[in-house]
N, C-alpha and C. Protein backbone atom coordinates (compact mmCIF):
# COMPACT_ATOMS: atom_id res chain seq x y z
N MET A 1 0.91 -1.23 0.12
CA MET A 1 0.04 -0.34 0.05
C MET A 1 0.70 1.34 -0.10
N THR A 2 0.49 2.33 -0.96
CA THR A 2 1.31 3.49 -1.14
C THR A 2 0.89 4.31 0.37
N ALA A 3 1.95 5.11 0.69
CA ALA A 3 1.73 6.08 1.87
C ALA A 3 1.23 7.17 1.31
N LEU A 4 -0.06 7.94 1.88
CA LEU A 4 -0.43 9.08 1.45
C LEU A 4 0.02 10.41 1.77
N SER A 5 0.09 11.06 0.93
CA SER A 5 0.68 12.45 0.92
C SER A 5 -0.16 13.00 1.86
N ALA A 6 0.07 14.05 3.05
CA ALA A 6 0.01 14.84 3.68
C ALA A 6 -0.39 16.05 2.98
N SER A 7 0.22 16.25 1.92
CA SER A 7 -0.70 17.39 0.88
C SER A 7 -1.83 17.20 0.01
N THR A 8 -2.37 18.44 0.39
CA THR A 8 -3.68 17.99 -1.24
C THR A 8 -3.24 18.03 -2.59
N ALA A 9 -3.59 17.19 -3.35
CA ALA A 9 -3.32 17.12 -4.71
C ALA A 9 -4.19 18.03 -5.24
N ARG A 10 -3.82 18.73 -6.48
CA ARG A 10 -5.02 19.85 -6.92
C ARG A 10 -4.75 19.64 -8.53
N LEU A 11 -6.24 19.51 -9.07
CA LEU A 11 -6.13 18.83 -10.49
C LEU A 11 -7.03 20.17 -11.26
N VAL A 12 -6.30 20.62 -12.31
CA VAL A 12 -6.94 21.43 -13.19
C VAL A 12 -7.41 20.97 -14.59
N PHE A 13 -8.58 20.80 -14.51
CA PHE A 13 -9.24 20.65 -15.72
C PHE A 13 -9.68 21.88 -16.74
N ASP A 14 -8.76 21.94 -17.89
CA ASP A 14 -9.45 23.34 -19.02
C ASP A 14 -9.43 22.54 -20.32
N GLY A 15 -9.93 23.73 -20.89
CA GLY A 15 -10.63 23.25 -21.91
C GLY A 15 -11.67 22.44 -22.01
N ASP A 16 -11.94 21.13 -23.30
CA ASP A 16 -12.93 20.39 -23.49
C ASP A 16 -12.99 19.53 -22.58
N GLN A 17 -14.27 19.14 -21.63
CA GLN A 17 -14.31 18.08 -20.97
C GLN A 17 -15.53 17.47 -21.04
N THR A 18 -15.58 16.55 -21.86
CA THR A 18 -16.49 15.66 -22.57
C THR A 18 -16.34 14.41 -22.57
N ILE A 19 -16.79 13.71 -23.41
CA ILE A 19 -17.04 12.11 -23.01
C ILE A 19 -14.99 12.06 -23.67
N ARG A 20 -15.09 12.50 -25.02
CA ARG A 20 -14.03 12.13 -25.34
C ARG A 20 -12.68 12.07 -24.14
N ASP A 21 -12.54 13.06 -23.43
CA ASP A 21 -11.86 13.35 -22.11
C ASP A 21 -11.81 12.77 -21.10
N VAL A 22 -12.96 11.92 -20.94
CA VAL A 22 -13.35 11.52 -19.87
C VAL A 22 -12.42 10.22 -19.15
N GLU A 23 -11.97 9.52 -20.29
CA GLU A 23 -11.20 8.00 -19.63
C GLU A 23 -9.76 9.34 -18.82
N THR A 24 -8.83 10.24 -19.72
CA THR A 24 -8.12 10.81 -19.31
C THR A 24 -7.88 11.42 -17.80
N ALA A 25 -9.44 12.08 -17.84
CA ALA A 25 -9.67 12.48 -16.34
C ALA A 25 -9.92 11.29 -15.05
N ARG A 26 -10.55 10.37 -15.58
CA ARG A 26 -10.49 9.53 -14.63
C ARG A 26 -9.24 8.75 -14.41
N ALA A 27 -8.20 8.44 -15.05
CA ALA A 27 -7.01 8.13 -14.52
C ALA A 27 -6.04 9.65 -13.73
N ARG A 28 -6.81 10.49 -14.02
CA ARG A 28 -5.87 11.66 -13.16
C ARG A 28 -6.29 11.48 -11.67
N LEU A 29 -7.75 11.21 -11.99
CA LEU A 29 -8.41 11.27 -10.43
C LEU A 29 -7.89 10.07 -9.72
N LEU A 30 -7.98 9.13 -10.47
CA LEU A 30 -7.68 7.98 -9.70
C LEU A 30 -6.10 7.79 -9.49
N ASP A 31 -5.68 8.28 -10.28
CA ASP A 31 -3.65 8.40 -9.62
C ASP A 31 -3.73 9.24 -8.06
N ALA A 32 -4.76 10.66 -8.23
CA ALA A 32 -4.54 11.89 -7.31
C ALA A 32 -5.37 10.89 -6.39
N LEU A 33 -6.16 10.57 -6.35
CA LEU A 33 -6.72 9.61 -4.99
C LEU A 33 -6.09 8.41 -4.38
N ALA A 34 -5.17 8.13 -5.19
CA ALA A 34 -4.51 7.00 -4.45
C ALA A 34 -3.28 7.35 -3.72
N ALA A 35 -3.04 8.53 -4.20
CA ALA A 35 -1.51 8.85 -3.21
C ALA A 35 -2.08 10.20 -2.30
N HIS A 36 -3.04 10.61 -2.36
CA HIS A 36 -3.42 12.24 -1.75
C HIS A 36 -4.71 11.57 -1.23
N ALA A 37 -4.81 12.63 0.48
CA ALA A 37 -5.90 11.93 1.45
C ALA A 37 -7.08 13.29 0.80
N VAL A 38 -6.86 14.23 -0.01
CA VAL A 38 -7.84 15.26 -0.56
C VAL A 38 -7.01 15.48 -1.58
N VAL A 39 -8.23 15.61 -2.65
CA VAL A 39 -7.60 15.89 -4.15
C VAL A 39 -9.03 17.14 -3.66
N GLU A 40 -8.16 18.23 -4.58
CA GLU A 40 -9.27 19.13 -5.10
C GLU A 40 -8.99 19.67 -6.74
N ILE A 41 -10.54 19.67 -7.01
CA ILE A 41 -10.63 20.10 -8.78
C ILE A 41 -10.96 21.46 -9.40
N ASN A 42 -10.12 21.80 -9.74
CA ASN A 42 -10.74 23.21 -10.90
C ASN A 42 -11.21 23.46 -12.25
N PHE A 43 -12.32 23.76 -12.33
CA PHE A 43 -12.84 23.84 -13.76
C PHE A 43 -12.93 25.47 -14.20
N ASP A 44 -12.09 25.96 -13.65
CA ASP A 44 -11.88 27.54 -13.96
C ASP A 44 -11.78 27.78 -15.62
N ASP A 45 -10.89 26.95 -16.02
CA ASP A 45 -11.20 26.90 -17.65
C ASP A 45 -11.00 26.15 -18.45
N ALA A 46 -11.92 25.35 -17.82
CA ALA A 46 -13.01 24.51 -19.01
C ALA A 46 -13.80 25.57 -19.90
N THR A 47 -13.72 24.78 -21.09
CA THR A 47 -14.50 25.49 -21.76
C THR A 47 -15.92 25.05 -22.15
N THR A 48 -16.07 23.70 -22.15
CA THR A 48 -16.95 22.88 -22.63
C THR A 48 -17.22 21.62 -21.37
N ILE A 49 -18.22 21.67 -20.62
CA ILE A 49 -18.39 20.32 -19.44
C ILE A 49 -19.59 19.94 -20.25
N ASP A 50 -19.68 18.50 -20.43
CA ASP A 50 -20.65 17.40 -20.83
C ASP A 50 -21.29 16.72 -19.54
N VAL A 51 -22.43 16.12 -19.67
CA VAL A 51 -22.58 15.45 -18.43
C VAL A 51 -21.77 14.18 -18.15
N SER A 52 -21.10 13.54 -18.80
CA SER A 52 -20.18 12.41 -19.03
C SER A 52 -19.11 13.17 -17.80
N MET A 53 -18.45 14.22 -17.91
CA MET A 53 -17.83 14.91 -16.90
C MET A 53 -17.95 15.09 -15.30
N ILE A 54 -19.42 15.39 -15.50
CA ILE A 54 -19.82 15.60 -14.28
C ILE A 54 -20.72 14.07 -13.28
N GLN A 55 -21.12 13.29 -14.03
CA GLN A 55 -21.00 11.92 -13.83
C GLN A 55 -19.89 10.99 -13.24
N LEU A 56 -18.34 11.55 -13.93
CA LEU A 56 -17.05 11.19 -13.13
C LEU A 56 -16.96 11.75 -11.99
N ILE A 57 -17.08 12.82 -12.06
CA ILE A 57 -17.07 13.75 -10.65
C ILE A 57 -17.35 13.32 -9.54
N LEU A 58 -19.13 13.25 -9.56
CA LEU A 58 -20.03 12.17 -8.86
C LEU A 58 -19.50 11.02 -8.15
N ALA A 59 -19.12 10.03 -9.22
CA ALA A 59 -18.77 8.64 -8.92
C ALA A 59 -17.20 8.75 -8.33
N ALA A 60 -16.05 9.85 -8.78
CA ALA A 60 -15.28 9.92 -7.80
C ALA A 60 -15.21 10.25 -6.70
N ARG A 61 -16.34 11.39 -6.22
CA ARG A 61 -16.84 11.58 -4.89
C ARG A 61 -17.28 10.78 -4.17
N ASN A 62 -17.89 9.78 -4.55
CA ASN A 62 -18.51 8.59 -3.78
C ASN A 62 -17.65 7.89 -3.56
N SER A 63 -16.82 7.41 -4.38
CA SER A 63 -14.98 6.15 -4.02
C SER A 63 -14.55 6.75 -3.35
N ALA A 64 -14.48 8.06 -3.18
CA ALA A 64 -13.03 8.88 -2.31
C ALA A 64 -13.80 8.49 -0.95
N GLN A 65 -15.06 9.11 -0.81
CA GLN A 65 -15.45 8.58 0.61
C GLN A 65 -15.75 7.47 0.90
N ARG A 66 -15.83 6.68 0.05
CA ARG A 66 -15.40 5.13 0.32
C ARG A 66 -14.62 4.44 0.83
N ARG A 67 -13.19 5.29 0.61
CA ARG A 67 -11.87 4.97 0.60
C ARG A 67 -11.34 5.52 1.92
N GLY A 68 -12.22 6.73 2.16
CA GLY A 68 -11.47 7.32 3.27
C GLY A 68 -11.25 8.61 3.00
N ARG A 69 -11.20 9.23 1.37
CA ARG A 69 -10.48 10.17 1.00
C ARG A 69 -11.69 11.13 0.77
N THR A 70 -11.18 12.19 0.68
CA THR A 70 -11.82 13.55 0.14
C THR A 70 -11.68 14.18 -1.18
N LEU A 71 -12.84 14.53 -1.95
CA LEU A 71 -12.56 14.90 -3.37
C LEU A 71 -13.61 16.47 -2.94
N ILE A 72 -12.92 17.72 -3.42
CA ILE A 72 -13.70 18.80 -3.55
C ILE A 72 -13.26 19.88 -4.43
N LEU A 73 -14.05 20.38 -4.51
CA LEU A 73 -14.20 21.64 -5.65
C LEU A 73 -13.22 22.81 -5.27
N SER A 74 -12.15 23.44 -5.92
CA SER A 74 -11.52 24.85 -5.71
C SER A 74 -12.53 25.54 -5.05
N HIS A 75 -13.49 25.77 -5.47
CA HIS A 75 -14.28 26.95 -4.86
C HIS A 75 -16.00 26.38 -5.27
N PRO A 76 -17.08 27.54 -5.09
CA PRO A 76 -18.75 26.65 -5.77
C PRO A 76 -18.28 26.91 -7.13
N ALA A 77 -19.54 25.82 -7.46
CA ALA A 77 -19.35 25.92 -9.09
C ALA A 77 -19.76 27.52 -9.80
N HIS A 78 -19.08 27.77 -10.72
CA HIS A 78 -19.35 28.95 -11.32
C HIS A 78 -19.25 28.73 -12.78
N GLY A 79 -19.25 29.52 -13.65
CA GLY A 79 -19.53 29.31 -15.24
C GLY A 79 -19.67 28.53 -15.69
N VAL A 80 -18.45 27.99 -16.69
CA VAL A 80 -19.32 26.83 -17.62
C VAL A 80 -19.87 25.60 -16.76
N LEU A 81 -18.86 25.33 -15.18
CA LEU A 81 -19.50 23.97 -14.85
C LEU A 81 -20.79 24.50 -14.25
N ARG A 82 -21.23 25.39 -13.87
CA ARG A 82 -22.55 25.87 -12.87
C ARG A 82 -23.30 25.64 -14.23
N ASP A 83 -23.45 26.28 -15.57
CA ASP A 83 -23.86 25.96 -16.94
C ASP A 83 -24.45 24.97 -16.61
N SER A 84 -23.14 24.05 -16.62
CA SER A 84 -23.43 22.39 -17.49
C SER A 84 -24.89 21.77 -16.37
N LEU A 85 -23.83 22.10 -15.07
CA LEU A 85 -24.97 21.28 -14.26
C LEU A 85 -26.16 21.88 -13.96
N THR A 86 -26.74 22.96 -14.21
CA THR A 86 -27.86 23.54 -13.99
C THR A 86 -28.58 23.19 -15.35
N ARG A 87 -28.16 22.98 -16.53
CA ARG A 87 -28.53 22.01 -17.62
C ARG A 87 -28.90 20.69 -17.54
N GLY A 88 -27.96 20.16 -16.86
CA GLY A 88 -28.26 18.39 -16.67
C GLY A 88 -29.12 18.14 -15.45
N GLY A 89 -29.50 19.36 -15.03
CA GLY A 89 -31.11 19.03 -13.71
C GLY A 89 -29.85 18.62 -12.14
N PHE A 90 -28.59 18.76 -12.27
CA PHE A 90 -27.77 18.51 -11.12
C PHE A 90 -27.92 19.24 -9.79
N ILE A 91 -28.34 20.95 -10.58
CA ILE A 91 -28.80 21.88 -9.47
C ILE A 91 -29.82 22.90 -9.87
N PRO A 92 -30.63 23.43 -9.11
CA PRO A 92 -31.14 24.52 -9.80
C PRO A 92 -31.16 25.90 -10.19
N ALA A 93 -31.48 25.81 -10.96
CA ALA A 93 -31.47 27.40 -12.10
C ALA A 93 -31.39 28.53 -10.96
N ALA A 94 -30.37 29.41 -11.03
CA ALA A 94 -30.95 30.22 -10.16
C ALA A 94 -32.36 30.74 -10.01
N THR A 95 -33.02 31.06 -10.99
CA THR A 95 -34.15 31.61 -10.72
C THR A 95 -35.38 30.76 -10.47
N ASP A 96 -35.18 29.31 -10.29
CA ASP A 96 -35.87 28.36 -9.90
C ASP A 96 -35.83 29.22 -7.95
N ARG A 97 -37.40 28.95 -7.92
CA ARG A 97 -38.11 29.59 -6.41
C ARG A 97 -37.98 28.04 -5.65
N PRO A 98 -37.45 28.41 -4.39
CA PRO A 98 -37.80 26.96 -3.49
C PRO A 98 -39.33 26.70 -3.40
N VAL A 99 -38.96 25.54 -3.35
CA VAL A 99 -40.64 24.56 -3.06
C VAL A 99 -41.04 24.87 -1.75
N PRO A 100 -42.01 25.41 -1.48
CA PRO A 100 -42.85 25.33 -0.33
C PRO A 100 -42.86 23.98 0.12
N GLY A 101 -42.31 23.61 1.52
CA GLY A 101 -42.05 22.32 2.35
C GLY A 101 -41.34 21.16 1.62
N ALA A 102 -39.87 21.60 0.88
CA ALA A 102 -39.54 20.82 0.42
C ALA A 102 -38.08 20.74 1.60
N VAL A 103 -37.53 19.42 1.15
CA VAL A 103 -36.57 18.95 2.76
C VAL A 103 -35.09 19.78 1.83
N ALA A 104 -34.50 19.84 2.64
CA ALA A 104 -33.21 20.34 2.58
C ALA A 104 -32.52 20.31 1.52
N ALA A 105 -31.42 20.42 0.75
CA ALA A 105 -30.52 20.27 -0.50
C ALA A 105 -29.95 19.15 -0.16
N PRO A 106 -30.11 18.27 -1.58
CA PRO A 106 -29.52 16.92 -1.11
C PRO A 106 -27.83 17.29 -1.17
N PRO A 107 -27.15 16.20 -0.72
CA PRO A 107 -25.98 16.36 -0.86
C PRO A 107 -24.70 16.86 -1.80
N ASN A 108 -25.58 16.30 -2.91
CA ASN A 108 -24.69 16.43 -4.17
C ASN A 108 -24.78 18.16 -4.49
N ASP A 109 -26.01 18.92 -4.28
CA ASP A 109 -26.06 20.19 -4.23
C ASP A 109 -24.98 20.70 -3.40
N VAL A 110 -24.91 20.19 -1.98
CA VAL A 110 -24.47 20.76 -1.27
C VAL A 110 -22.51 20.88 -1.87
N PHE A 111 -21.98 19.65 -2.17
CA PHE A 111 -21.05 19.59 -3.27
C PHE A 111 -20.47 20.63 -4.01
N TRP A 112 -21.44 20.63 -4.74
CA TRP A 112 -21.23 21.61 -6.31
C TRP A 112 -21.42 23.11 -5.06
N SER A 113 -21.89 23.21 -4.48
CA SER A 113 -22.28 25.33 -4.06
C SER A 113 -21.38 25.45 -3.00
N LYS A 114 -20.29 24.52 -2.09
CA LYS A 114 -19.43 24.95 -1.13
C LYS A 114 -18.17 25.07 -1.45
N GLY A 115 -17.46 23.78 -2.44
CA GLY A 115 -16.11 23.93 -2.92
C GLY A 115 -15.56 23.63 -1.65
N ALA A 116 -14.16 24.20 -1.85
CA ALA A 116 -13.29 24.20 -0.36
C ALA A 116 -13.08 25.54 0.14
N THR A 117 -14.02 26.15 -0.02
CA THR A 117 -14.21 26.98 1.09
C THR A 117 -15.14 26.84 2.19
N ALA A 118 -15.77 25.82 1.89
CA ALA A 118 -16.83 25.34 3.48
C ALA A 118 -15.90 25.20 4.59
């Protein structure tokens, strides 16, 4: 078993992040999660993000939690990432009104909205 680094791994995903790029992103995430207890991801310079990348991040987050690791966003989702999350129905649109009597935000909503600033 490899010893975990005390530092946080920081992964930057830039340019297109689509189904064509998901295998490379998956490999990067797996390598980082194998070597670090905390992996911080950043999409600031992404130009396109599709649902396959969002699904990969959610799966990686679940996998990290099962292994006692932490996957976080560098900051709350914004820009292209937020647009993709909204279009995909992963988070409500900014114009959506709260539903009376609705329960608290699901854990994935909190993940996307908190980032490393939580």
